[in-house]
Amino acid sequence: MTGTILYTVAAIALYLLSDWILNQIEIKRGKRLEHRSLIFFAIILVLALSSFSLIERMSESQTGDQSNTAIEAAGN
């Protein structure tokens, strides 16, 4: 359940960040990009893959730490 909330919050933040990045690119160019939705998709895809991978690694390390503690406690 906590993972679902974490991924949802991350997705919302990624959407907002991607929109901001795209707007900054357009401001620097001085005009709107022709294929804006495709560029937005590329930005959010890269950010999502990297951040979701990071979230997964962090949750695995926490789960691993908890399972190791449980194994050690059972062994004693």
PDB file of N, CA and C in Angstrom:
ATOM      1  N   MET A   1       0.821  -1.198   0.000  1.00  0.00           N
ATOM      2  CA  MET A   1       0.000   0.000   0.000  1.00  0.00           C
ATOM      3  C   MET A   1       0.861   1.257   0.000  1.00  0.00           C
ATOM      4  N   THR A   2       1.902   1.269   0.822  1.00  0.00           N
ATOM      5  CA  THR A   2       2.774   2.421   0.878  1.00  0.00           C
ATOM      6  C   THR A   2       3.499   2.614  -0.449  1.00  0.00           C
ATOM      7  N   GLY A   3       3.852   1.503  -1.101  1.00  0.00           N
ATOM      8  CA  GLY A   3       4.512   1.576  -2.396  1.00  0.00           C
ATOM      9  C   GLY A   3       3.635   2.228  -3.433  1.00  0.00           C
ATOM     10  N   THR A   4       2.346   1.910  -3.408  1.00  0.00           N
ATOM     11  CA  THR A   4       1.402   2.497  -4.361  1.00  0.00           C
ATOM     12  C   THR A   4       1.325   4.002  -4.182  1.00  0.00           C
ATOM     13  N   ILE A   5       1.271   4.442  -2.952  1.00  0.00           N
ATOM     14  CA  ILE A   5       1.214   5.881  -2.669  1.00  0.00           C
ATOM     15  C   ILE A   5       2.511   6.549  -3.104  1.00  0.00           C
ATOM     16  N   LEU A   6       3.637   5.912  -2.824  1.00  0.00           N
ATOM     17  CA  LEU A   6       4.936   6.463  -3.191  1.00  0.00           C
ATOM     18  C   LEU A   6       5.071   6.607  -4.707  1.00  0.00           C
ATOM     19  N   TYR A   7       4.680   5.579  -5.450  1.00  0.00           N
ATOM     20  CA  TYR A   7       4.751   5.637  -6.909  1.00  0.00           C
ATOM     21  C   TYR A   7       3.788   6.693  -7.463  1.00  0.00           C
ATOM     22  N   THR A   8       2.620   6.834  -6.863  1.00  0.00           N
ATOM     23  CA  THR A   8       1.653   7.834  -7.320  1.00  0.00           C
ATOM     24  C   THR A   8       2.177   9.249  -7.092  1.00  0.00           C
ATOM     25  N   VAL A   9       2.727   9.502  -5.923  1.00  0.00           N
ATOM     26  CA  VAL A   9       3.296  10.820  -5.628  1.00  0.00           C
ATOM     27  C   VAL A   9       4.473  11.101  -6.563  1.00  0.00           C
ATOM     28  N   ALA A  10       5.297  10.090  -6.796  1.00  0.00           N
ATOM     29  CA  ALA A  10       6.433  10.258  -7.711  1.00  0.00           C
ATOM     30  C   ALA A  10       5.949  10.561  -9.123  1.00  0.00           C
ATOM     31  N   ALA A  11       4.903   9.884  -9.569  1.00  0.00           N
ATOM     32  CA  ALA A  11       4.375  10.118 -10.918  1.00  0.00           C
ATOM     33  C   ALA A  11       3.840  11.542 -11.071  1.00  0.00           C
ATOM     34  N   ILE A  12       3.151  12.020 -10.065  1.00  0.00           N
ATOM     35  CA  ILE A  12       2.632  13.396 -10.111  1.00  0.00           C
ATOM     36  C   ILE A  12       3.793  14.389 -10.153  1.00  0.00           C
ATOM     37  N   ALA A  13       4.798  14.169  -9.318  1.00  0.00           N
ATOM     38  CA  ALA A  13       5.965  15.053  -9.304  1.00  0.00           C
ATOM     39  C   ALA A  13       6.696  15.005 -10.646  1.00  0.00           C
ATOM     40  N   LEU A  14       6.804  13.825 -11.236  1.00  0.00           N
ATOM     41  CA  LEU A  14       7.477  13.694 -12.529  1.00  0.00           C
ATOM     42  C   LEU A  14       6.712  14.419 -13.625  1.00  0.00           C
ATOM     43  N   TYR A  15       5.403  14.351 -13.574  1.00  0.00           N
ATOM     44  CA  TYR A  15       4.583  15.060 -14.560  1.00  0.00           C
ATOM     45  C   TYR A  15       4.837  16.565 -14.478  1.00  0.00           C
ATOM     46  N   LEU A  16       4.799  17.088 -13.264  1.00  0.00           N
ATOM     47  CA  LEU A  16       5.017  18.524 -13.071  1.00  0.00           C
ATOM     48  C   LEU A  16       6.432  18.934 -13.465  1.00  0.00           C
ATOM     49  N   LEU A  17       7.412  18.117 -13.099  1.00  0.00           N
ATOM     50  CA  LEU A  17       8.801  18.416 -13.440  1.00  0.00           C
ATOM     51  C   LEU A  17       9.014  18.364 -14.956  1.00  0.00           C
ATOM     52  N   SER A  18       8.440  17.382 -15.616  1.00  0.00           N
ATOM     53  CA  SER A  18       8.570  17.264 -17.071  1.00  0.00           C
ATOM     54  C   SER A  18       7.953  18.458 -17.778  1.00  0.00           C
ATOM     55  N   ASP A  19       6.801  18.895 -17.295  1.00  0.00           N
ATOM     56  CA  ASP A  19       6.148  20.064 -17.882  1.00  0.00           C
ATOM     57  C   ASP A  19       7.010  21.304 -17.691  1.00  0.00           C
ATOM     58  N   TRP A  20       7.602  21.459 -16.514  1.00  0.00           N
ATOM     59  CA  TRP A  20       8.463  22.609 -16.239  1.00  0.00           C
ATOM     60  C   TRP A  20       9.694  22.582 -17.140  1.00  0.00           C
ATOM     61  N   ILE A  21      10.322  21.416 -17.274  1.00  0.00           N
ATOM     62  CA  ILE A  21      11.502  21.286 -18.137  1.00  0.00           C
ATOM     63  C   ILE A  21      11.157  21.655 -19.573  1.00  0.00           C
ATOM     64  N   LEU A  22      10.038  21.137 -20.071  1.00  0.00           N
ATOM     65  CA  LEU A  22       9.618  21.430 -21.438  1.00  0.00           C
ATOM     66  C   LEU A  22       9.345  22.923 -21.622  1.00  0.00           C
ATOM     67  N   ASN A  23       8.690  23.539 -20.660  1.00  0.00           N
ATOM     68  CA  ASN A  23       8.446  24.985 -20.732  1.00  0.00           C
ATOM     69  C   ASN A  23       9.747  25.777 -20.750  1.00  0.00           C
ATOM     70  N   GLN A  24      10.728  25.353 -19.957  1.00  0.00           N
ATOM     71  CA  GLN A  24      12.023  26.038 -19.939  1.00  0.00           C
ATOM     72  C   GLN A  24      12.730  25.915 -21.289  1.00  0.00           C
ATOM     73  N   ILE A  25      12.642  24.751 -21.903  1.00  0.00           N
ATOM     74  CA  ILE A  25      13.237  24.565 -23.231  1.00  0.00           C
ATOM     75  C   ILE A  25      12.572  25.502 -24.234  1.00  0.00           C
ATOM     76  N   GLU A  26      11.248  25.588 -24.171  1.00  0.00           N
ATOM     77  CA  GLU A  26      10.521  26.444 -25.110  1.00  0.00           C
ATOM     78  C   GLU A  26      10.807  27.927 -24.862  1.00  0.00           C
ATOM     79  N   ILE A  27      10.972  28.324 -23.622  1.00  0.00           N
ATOM     80  CA  ILE A  27      11.302  29.712 -23.307  1.00  0.00           C
ATOM     81  C   ILE A  27      12.672  30.063 -23.880  1.00  0.00           C
ATOM     82  N   LYS A  28      13.637  29.164 -23.728  1.00  0.00           N
ATOM     83  CA  LYS A  28      14.981  29.418 -24.247  1.00  0.00           C
ATOM     84  C   LYS A  28      14.986  29.479 -25.772  1.00  0.00           C
ATOM     85  N   ARG A  29      14.146  28.668 -26.413  1.00  0.00           N
ATOM     86  CA  ARG A  29      14.058  28.693 -27.881  1.00  0.00           C
ATOM     87  C   ARG A  29      13.272  29.899 -28.381  1.00  0.00           C
ATOM     88  N   GLY A  30      12.374  30.397 -27.555  1.00  0.00           N
ATOM     89  CA  GLY A  30      11.570  31.540 -27.953  1.00  0.00           C
ATOM     90  C   GLY A  30      10.313  31.178 -28.712  1.00  0.00           C
ATOM     91  N   LYS A  31      10.024  29.911 -28.861  1.00  0.00           N
ATOM     92  CA  LYS A  31       8.792  29.470 -29.521  1.00  0.00           C
ATOM     93  C   LYS A  31       8.447  28.050 -29.061  1.00  0.00           C
ATOM     94  N   ARG A  32       7.191  27.669 -29.307  1.00  0.00           N
ATOM     95  CA  ARG A  32       6.739  26.329 -28.928  1.00  0.00           C
ATOM     96  C   ARG A  32       7.347  25.296 -29.862  1.00  0.00           C
ATOM     97  N   LEU A  33       7.626  24.145 -29.315  1.00  0.00           N
ATOM     98  CA  LEU A  33       8.179  23.063 -30.118  1.00  0.00           C
ATOM     99  C   LEU A  33       7.090  22.446 -30.986  1.00  0.00           C
ATOM    100  N   GLU A  34       7.490  22.005 -32.158  1.00  0.00           N
ATOM    101  CA  GLU A  34       6.519  21.455 -33.100  1.00  0.00           C
ATOM    102  C   GLU A  34       5.913  20.139 -32.592  1.00  0.00           C
ATOM    103  N   HIS A  35       6.755  19.255 -32.078  1.00  0.00           N
ATOM    104  CA  HIS A  35       6.283  17.944 -31.587  1.00  0.00           C
ATOM    105  C   HIS A  35       6.359  17.929 -30.059  1.00  0.00           C
ATOM    106  N   ARG A  36       5.617  18.829 -29.444  1.00  0.00           N
ATOM    107  CA  ARG A  36       5.671  19.054 -27.997  1.00  0.00           C
ATOM    108  C   ARG A  36       5.320  17.794 -27.212  1.00  0.00           C
ATOM    109  N   SER A  37       4.282  17.091 -27.615  1.00  0.00           N
ATOM    110  CA  SER A  37       3.846  15.913 -26.855  1.00  0.00           C
ATOM    111  C   SER A  37       4.872  14.785 -26.928  1.00  0.00           C
ATOM    112  N   LEU A  38       5.550  14.641 -28.057  1.00  0.00           N
ATOM    113  CA  LEU A  38       6.571  13.608 -28.189  1.00  0.00           C
ATOM    114  C   LEU A  38       7.779  13.924 -27.305  1.00  0.00           C
ATOM    115  N   ILE A  39       8.170  15.174 -27.272  1.00  0.00           N
ATOM    116  CA  ILE A  39       9.299  15.592 -26.437  1.00  0.00           C
ATOM    117  C   ILE A  39       8.935  15.454 -24.958  1.00  0.00           C
ATOM    118  N   PHE A  40       7.690  15.820 -24.599  1.00  0.00           N
ATOM    119  CA  PHE A  40       7.229  15.647 -23.218  1.00  0.00           C
ATOM    120  C   PHE A  40       7.284  14.171 -22.833  1.00  0.00           C
ATOM    121  N   PHE A  41       6.839  13.307 -23.731  1.00  0.00           N
ATOM    122  CA  PHE A  41       6.869  11.867 -23.466  1.00  0.00           C
ATOM    123  C   PHE A  41       8.296  11.381 -23.235  1.00  0.00           C
ATOM    124  N   ALA A  42       9.234  11.831 -24.051  1.00  0.00           N
ATOM    125  CA  ALA A  42      10.629  11.414 -23.891  1.00  0.00           C
ATOM    126  C   ALA A  42      11.188  11.875 -22.543  1.00  0.00           C
ATOM    127  N   ILE A  43      10.875  13.106 -22.165  1.00  0.00           N
ATOM    128  CA  ILE A  43      11.368  13.632 -20.887  1.00  0.00           C
ATOM    129  C   ILE A  43      10.792  12.828 -19.724  1.00  0.00           C
ATOM    130  N   ILE A  44       9.485  12.620 -19.726  1.00  0.00           N
ATOM    131  CA  ILE A  44       8.862  11.920 -18.599  1.00  0.00           C
ATOM    132  C   ILE A  44       9.259  10.438 -18.578  1.00  0.00           C
ATOM    133  N   LEU A  45       9.516   9.853 -19.740  1.00  0.00           N
ATOM    134  CA  LEU A  45       9.941   8.455 -19.799  1.00  0.00           C
ATOM    135  C   LEU A  45      11.297   8.273 -19.127  1.00  0.00           C
ATOM    136  N   VAL A  46      12.238   9.121 -19.466  1.00  0.00           N
ATOM    137  CA  VAL A  46      13.581   9.031 -18.875  1.00  0.00           C
ATOM    138  C   VAL A  46      13.512   9.253 -17.363  1.00  0.00           C
ATOM    139  N   LEU A  47      12.776  10.272 -16.948  1.00  0.00           N
ATOM    140  CA  LEU A  47      12.657  10.551 -15.515  1.00  0.00           C
ATOM    141  C   LEU A  47      11.946   9.421 -14.774  1.00  0.00           C
ATOM    142  N   ALA A  48      10.895   8.866 -15.383  1.00  0.00           N
ATOM    143  CA  ALA A  48      10.134   7.795 -14.727  1.00  0.00           C
ATOM    144  C   ALA A  48      10.966   6.528 -14.591  1.00  0.00           C
ATOM    145  N   LEU A  49      11.644   6.139 -15.645  1.00  0.00           N
ATOM    146  CA  LEU A  49      12.458   4.925 -15.570  1.00  0.00           C
ATOM    147  C   LEU A  49      13.549   5.046 -14.511  1.00  0.00           C
ATOM    148  N   SER A  50      14.195   6.197 -14.462  1.00  0.00           N
ATOM    149  CA  SER A  50      15.265   6.353 -13.480  1.00  0.00           C
ATOM    150  C   SER A  50      14.729   6.461 -12.053  1.00  0.00           C
ATOM    151  N   SER A  51      13.667   7.232 -11.849  1.00  0.00           N
ATOM    152  CA  SER A  51      13.164   7.399 -10.483  1.00  0.00           C
ATOM    153  C   SER A  51      12.457   6.140  -9.977  1.00  0.00           C
ATOM    154  N   PHE A  52      11.713   5.450 -10.833  1.00  0.00           N
ATOM    155  CA  PHE A  52      11.052   4.219 -10.391  1.00  0.00           C
ATOM    156  C   PHE A  52      12.071   3.128 -10.105  1.00  0.00           C
ATOM    157  N   SER A  53      13.160   3.106 -10.865  1.00  0.00           N
ATOM    158  CA  SER A  53      14.233   2.156 -10.586  1.00  0.00           C
ATOM    159  C   SER A  53      14.873   2.461  -9.227  1.00  0.00           C
ATOM    160  N   LEU A  54      15.077   3.734  -8.965  1.00  0.00           N
ATOM    161  CA  LEU A  54      15.641   4.145  -7.677  1.00  0.00           C
ATOM    162  C   LEU A  54      14.708   3.779  -6.522  1.00  0.00           C
ATOM    163  N   ILE A  55      13.414   4.010  -6.703  1.00  0.00           N
ATOM    164  CA  ILE A  55      12.439   3.654  -5.662  1.00  0.00           C
ATOM    165  C   ILE A  55      12.454   2.153  -5.420  1.00  0.00           C
ATOM    166  N   GLU A  56      12.518   1.385  -6.496  1.00  0.00           N
ATOM    167  CA  GLU A  56      12.532  -0.076  -6.364  1.00  0.00           C
ATOM    168  C   GLU A  56      13.775  -0.545  -5.621  1.00  0.00           C
ATOM    169  N   ARG A  57      14.936   0.027  -5.960  1.00  0.00           N
ATOM    170  CA  ARG A  57      16.174  -0.353  -5.271  1.00  0.00           C
ATOM    171  C   ARG A  57      16.119  -0.004  -3.793  1.00  0.00           C
ATOM    172  N   MET A  58      15.566   1.161  -3.478  1.00  0.00           N
ATOM    173  CA  MET A  58      15.462   1.571  -2.074  1.00  0.00           C
ATOM    174  C   MET A  58      14.515   0.653  -1.314  1.00  0.00           C
ATOM    175  N   SER A  59      13.403   0.279  -1.925  1.00  0.00           N
ATOM    176  CA  SER A  59      12.460  -0.595  -1.233  1.00  0.00           C
ATOM    177  C   SER A  59      13.022  -2.004  -1.077  1.00  0.00           C
ATOM    178  N   GLU A  60      13.817  -2.467  -2.057  1.00  0.00           N
ATOM    179  CA  GLU A  60      14.446  -3.786  -1.942  1.00  0.00           C
ATOM    180  C   GLU A  60      15.486  -3.793  -0.841  1.00  0.00           C
ATOM    181  N   SER A  61      16.239  -2.715  -0.719  1.00  0.00           N
ATOM    182  CA  SER A  61      17.259  -2.665   0.326  1.00  0.00           C
ATOM    183  C   SER A  61      16.612  -2.622   1.709  1.00  0.00           C
ATOM    184  N   GLN A  62      15.497  -1.927   1.838  1.00  0.00           N
ATOM    185  CA  GLN A  62      14.796  -1.898   3.115  1.00  0.00           C
ATOM    186  C   GLN A  62      14.190  -3.262   3.422  1.00  0.00           C
ATOM    187  N   THR A  63      13.618  -3.919   2.425  1.00  0.00           N
ATOM    188  CA  THR A  63      13.054  -5.254   2.610  1.00  0.00           C
ATOM    189  C   THR A  63      14.149  -6.247   2.929  1.00  0.00           C
ATOM    190  N   GLY A  64      15.290  -6.116   2.247  1.00  0.00           N
ATOM    191  CA  GLY A  64      16.427  -6.995   2.512  1.00  0.00           C
ATOM    192  C   GLY A  64      16.947  -6.829   3.914  1.00  0.00           C
ATOM    193  N   ASP A  65      17.030  -5.599   4.379  1.00  0.00           N
ATOM    194  CA  ASP A  65      17.489  -5.340   5.743  1.00  0.00           C
ATOM    195  C   ASP A  65      16.543  -5.953   6.760  1.00  0.00           C
ATOM    196  N   GLN A  66      15.241  -5.840   6.519  1.00  0.00           N
ATOM    197  CA  GLN A  66      14.251  -6.380   7.443  1.00  0.00           C
ATOM    198  C   GLN A  66      14.279  -7.903   7.445  1.00  0.00           C
ATOM    199  N   SER A  67      14.425  -8.528   6.258  1.00  0.00           N
ATOM    200  CA  SER A  67      14.445  -9.980   6.206  1.00  0.00           C
ATOM    201  C   SER A  67      15.720 -10.530   6.837  1.00  0.00           C
ATOM    202  N   ASN A  68      16.855  -9.828   6.654  1.00  0.00           N
ATOM    203  CA  ASN A  68      18.096 -10.258   7.297  1.00  0.00           C
ATOM    204  C   ASN A  68      17.977 -10.181   8.800  1.00  0.00           C
ATOM    205  N   THR A  69      17.340  -9.147   9.303  1.00  0.00           N
ATOM    206  CA  THR A  69      17.144  -9.000  10.737  1.00  0.00           C
ATOM    207  C   THR A  69      16.260 -10.122  11.256  1.00  0.00           C
ATOM    208  N   ALA A  70      15.224 -10.473  10.509  1.00  0.00           N
ATOM    209  CA  ALA A  70      14.325 -11.547  10.927  1.00  0.00           C
ATOM    210  C   ALA A  70      15.055 -12.895  10.919  1.00  0.00           C
ATOM    211  N   ILE A  71      15.906 -13.107   9.933  1.00  0.00           N
ATOM    212  CA  ILE A  71      16.671 -14.366   9.852  1.00  0.00           C
ATOM    213  C   ILE A  71      17.653 -14.449  11.015  1.00  0.00           C
ATOM    214  N   GLU A  72      18.332 -13.354  11.299  1.00  0.00           N
ATOM    215  CA  GLU A  72      19.279 -13.331  12.401  1.00  0.00           C
ATOM    216  C   GLU A  72      18.561 -13.554  13.738  1.00  0.00           C
ATOM    217  N   ALA A  73      17.394 -12.961  13.895  1.00  0.00           N
ATOM    218  CA  ALA A  73      16.637 -13.127  15.144  1.00  0.00           C
ATOM    219  C   ALA A  73      16.172 -14.565  15.299  1.00  0.00           C
ATOM    220  N   ALA A  74      15.771 -15.184  14.199  1.00  0.00           N
ATOM    221  CA  ALA A  74      15.303 -16.575  14.247  1.00  0.00           C
ATOM    222  C   ALA A  74      16.453 -17.525  14.548  1.00  0.00           C
ATOM    223  N   GLY A  75      17.658 -17.159  14.062  1.00  0.00           N
ATOM    224  CA  GLY A  75      18.829 -18.022  14.278  1.00  0.00           C
ATOM    225  C   GLY A  75      19.334 -17.977  15.708  1.00  0.00           C
ATOM    226  N   ASN A  76      19.057 -16.917  16.416  1.00  0.00           N
ATOM    227  CA  ASN A  76      19.542 -16.776  17.793  1.00  0.00           C
ATOM    228  C   ASN A  76      18.607 -17.393  18.717  1.00  0.00           C
TER     229      ASN A  76
END
